């Protein structure tokens, strides 16, 4: 077993201690509230990454987009929590023009890291409303931006859980 496998085993062993429930309407509303809070945060993060994720205007609100992804892709609570940790690691400015793609990409990467039976990128692209080749490029860019660090420790996980669900 190499070091990468060791880290994955450690990560999954602590995450599996937490009940990974399917999201209910109340949970989804808390998640949406948290995502909208991210969008309104004024920070000094760089903006160079933004243009790659920028879209002219979305025909679907972030709220409806997230609900659609959760429903169609069977996204769980733990997957949301970890994907938000990855989004935090980007340290970029978010806006309504880039957040749909960032959300989709972070959920895709988290799913690949956590789940044994991964949903294909083609499936994600179809339900996310973007071309497969573009999603593949977004995934690579996202991973590079977070330095391929996918490990989440228990403290990070609990902190993010509390920020989202215990407000």
Foldseek 3Di string as FASTA:
>chain_A
DDPVVVLLVVQQVVVVVDDWDQDDPVLLVLLVVVVVVLQPDDDDFDAPVVVLQFDPADPDFPSVLVVLCCVPVVDIDLLSLLLVVLVVLLRHHDHRGRVLLSSLLSSQVSQVSHDPDHDDLCVSCVSSVHDSVSSVVVNVVSCVSSVVDSRDDPVSSVVSCCSRPVD
